[in-house]
Amino acid sequence: MVGERPGKGILEVEEAMPGFMMRLVQEFADKVQPALADRYLREGEVGRCRICGRPTSRDREICSFCAVRMRAAGTATG
């Protein structure tokens, strides 16, 4: 792997196990978000995604992660 571009290994895992990267991001968010929320999250400053319930900008109904996932699946975000 020396000299290969970073991240190539994870792409190979994704090819072998579709959905791996999405699960990795979700697991990371589930484990890290509570620790960060206690310190940085102010409930009045954020909204909740209507799909996953995670924090999003107050003026957005759907978080960026769900919006990207919907675009990839070919689903409208409106």
C-alpha atoms as a PDB file:
ATOM      1  CA  MET A   1       0.000   0.000   0.000  1.00  0.00           C
ATOM      2  CA  VAL A   2       3.006   2.284   0.179  1.00  0.00           C
ATOM      3  CA  GLY A   3       2.722   4.877  -2.547  1.00  0.00           C
ATOM      4  CA  GLU A   4      -0.969   4.212  -3.184  1.00  0.00           C
ATOM      5  CA  ARG A   5      -3.392   7.038  -2.814  1.00  0.00           C
ATOM      6  CA  PRO A   6      -4.989   7.367   0.637  1.00  0.00           C
ATOM      7  CA  GLY A   7      -8.424   5.830   1.037  1.00  0.00           C
ATOM      8  CA  LYS A   8      -8.054   3.210  -1.673  1.00  0.00           C
ATOM      9  CA  GLY A   9      -8.393   0.404   0.874  1.00  0.00           C
ATOM     10  CA  ILE A  10     -11.723   1.671   2.111  1.00  0.00           C
ATOM     11  CA  LEU A  11     -13.006   1.842  -1.466  1.00  0.00           C
ATOM     12  CA  GLU A  12     -12.051  -1.797  -1.919  1.00  0.00           C
ATOM     13  CA  VAL A  13     -13.976  -2.702   1.231  1.00  0.00           C
ATOM     14  CA  GLU A  14     -16.984  -0.739  -0.083  1.00  0.00           C
ATOM     15  CA  GLU A  15     -16.871  -2.694  -3.321  1.00  0.00           C
ATOM     16  CA  ALA A  16     -16.796  -5.986  -1.434  1.00  0.00           C
ATOM     17  CA  MET A  17     -19.402  -4.875   1.128  1.00  0.00           C
ATOM     18  CA  PRO A  18     -21.793  -2.270  -0.366  1.00  0.00           C
ATOM     19  CA  GLY A  19     -22.984   0.186   2.241  1.00  0.00           C
ATOM     20  CA  PHE A  20     -19.839  -0.141   4.367  1.00  0.00           C
ATOM     21  CA  MET A  21     -18.893   3.549   4.140  1.00  0.00           C
ATOM     22  CA  MET A  22     -22.428   4.676   5.022  1.00  0.00           C
ATOM     23  CA  ARG A  23     -22.463   2.395   8.070  1.00  0.00           C
ATOM     24  CA  LEU A  24     -19.000   3.644   9.052  1.00  0.00           C
ATOM     25  CA  VAL A  25     -20.147   7.281   8.966  1.00  0.00           C
ATOM     26  CA  GLN A  26     -23.359   6.485  10.841  1.00  0.00           C
ATOM     27  CA  GLU A  27     -21.508   4.545  13.539  1.00  0.00           C
ATOM     28  CA  PHE A  28     -18.989   7.370  13.910  1.00  0.00           C
ATOM     29  CA  ALA A  29     -21.787   9.929  14.226  1.00  0.00           C
ATOM     30  CA  ASP A  30     -23.678   7.778  16.731  1.00  0.00           C
ATOM     31  CA  LYS A  31     -20.622   7.395  18.935  1.00  0.00           C
ATOM     32  CA  VAL A  32     -19.022  10.839  18.627  1.00  0.00           C
ATOM     33  CA  GLN A  33     -22.074  13.102  18.351  1.00  0.00           C
ATOM     34  CA  PRO A  34     -23.296  12.689  21.950  1.00  0.00           C
ATOM     35  CA  ALA A  35     -19.889  13.649  23.337  1.00  0.00           C
ATOM     36  CA  LEU A  36     -19.685  16.715  21.096  1.00  0.00           C
ATOM     37  CA  ALA A  37     -23.321  17.692  21.632  1.00  0.00           C
ATOM     38  CA  ASP A  38     -22.822  18.153  25.372  1.00  0.00           C
ATOM     39  CA  ARG A  39     -20.113  20.666  24.719  1.00  0.00           C
ATOM     40  CA  TYR A  40     -21.106  22.385  21.461  1.00  0.00           C
ATOM     41  CA  LEU A  41     -24.780  21.844  20.684  1.00  0.00           C
ATOM     42  CA  ARG A  42     -27.315  24.479  21.627  1.00  0.00           C
ATOM     43  CA  GLU A  43     -30.819  23.135  20.947  1.00  0.00           C
ATOM     44  CA  GLY A  44     -32.222  26.527  19.916  1.00  0.00           C
ATOM     45  CA  GLU A  45     -29.603  26.902  17.188  1.00  0.00           C
ATOM     46  CA  VAL A  46     -30.279  23.680  15.313  1.00  0.00           C
ATOM     47  CA  GLY A  47     -33.166  21.802  13.774  1.00  0.00           C
ATOM     48  CA  ARG A  48     -33.730  18.068  13.457  1.00  0.00           C
ATOM     49  CA  CYS A  49     -33.648  16.101  10.219  1.00  0.00           C
ATOM     50  CA  ARG A  50     -37.144  14.796   9.452  1.00  0.00           C
ATOM     51  CA  ILE A  51     -35.628  11.538   8.160  1.00  0.00           C
ATOM     52  CA  CYS A  52     -32.932  10.499  10.649  1.00  0.00           C
ATOM     53  CA  GLY A  53     -33.507  12.905  13.537  1.00  0.00           C
ATOM     54  CA  ARG A  54     -29.909  14.083  13.649  1.00  0.00           C
ATOM     55  CA  PRO A  55     -29.100  17.789  13.968  1.00  0.00           C
ATOM     56  CA  THR A  56     -29.278  19.985  10.895  1.00  0.00           C
ATOM     57  CA  SER A  57     -29.424  23.704  10.135  1.00  0.00           C
ATOM     58  CA  ARG A  58     -32.562  25.364  11.477  1.00  0.00           C
ATOM     59  CA  ASP A  59     -33.671  26.314   7.980  1.00  0.00           C
ATOM     60  CA  ARG A  60     -33.343  22.744   6.581  1.00  0.00           C
ATOM     61  CA  GLU A  61     -35.821  19.899   6.984  1.00  0.00           C
ATOM     62  CA  ILE A  62     -33.289  17.262   5.849  1.00  0.00           C
ATOM     63  CA  CYS A  63     -29.653  17.019   6.938  1.00  0.00           C
ATOM     64  CA  SER A  64     -26.881  17.036   4.350  1.00  0.00           C
ATOM     65  CA  PHE A  65     -26.126  13.345   4.865  1.00  0.00           C
ATOM     66  CA  CYS A  66     -29.725  12.300   4.151  1.00  0.00           C
ATOM     67  CA  ALA A  67     -29.906  14.696   1.187  1.00  0.00           C
ATOM     68  CA  VAL A  68     -26.788  13.136  -0.369  1.00  0.00           C
ATOM     69  CA  ARG A  69     -28.087   9.643   0.352  1.00  0.00           C
ATOM     70  CA  MET A  70     -31.434  10.500  -1.298  1.00  0.00           C
ATOM     71  CA  ARG A  71     -29.704  11.972  -4.358  1.00  0.00           C
ATOM     72  CA  ALA A  72     -27.593   8.823  -4.682  1.00  0.00           C
ATOM     73  CA  ALA A  73     -30.749   6.712  -4.480  1.00  0.00           C
ATOM     74  CA  GLY A  74     -32.494   8.955  -7.019  1.00  0.00           C
ATOM     75  CA  THR A  75     -35.125  10.173  -4.545  1.00  0.00           C
ATOM     76  CA  ALA A  76     -36.367  13.774  -4.541  1.00  0.00           C
ATOM     77  CA  THR A  77     -35.393  15.849  -1.488  1.00  0.00           C
ATOM     78  CA  GLY A  78     -38.456  18.117  -1.484  1.00  0.00           C
END
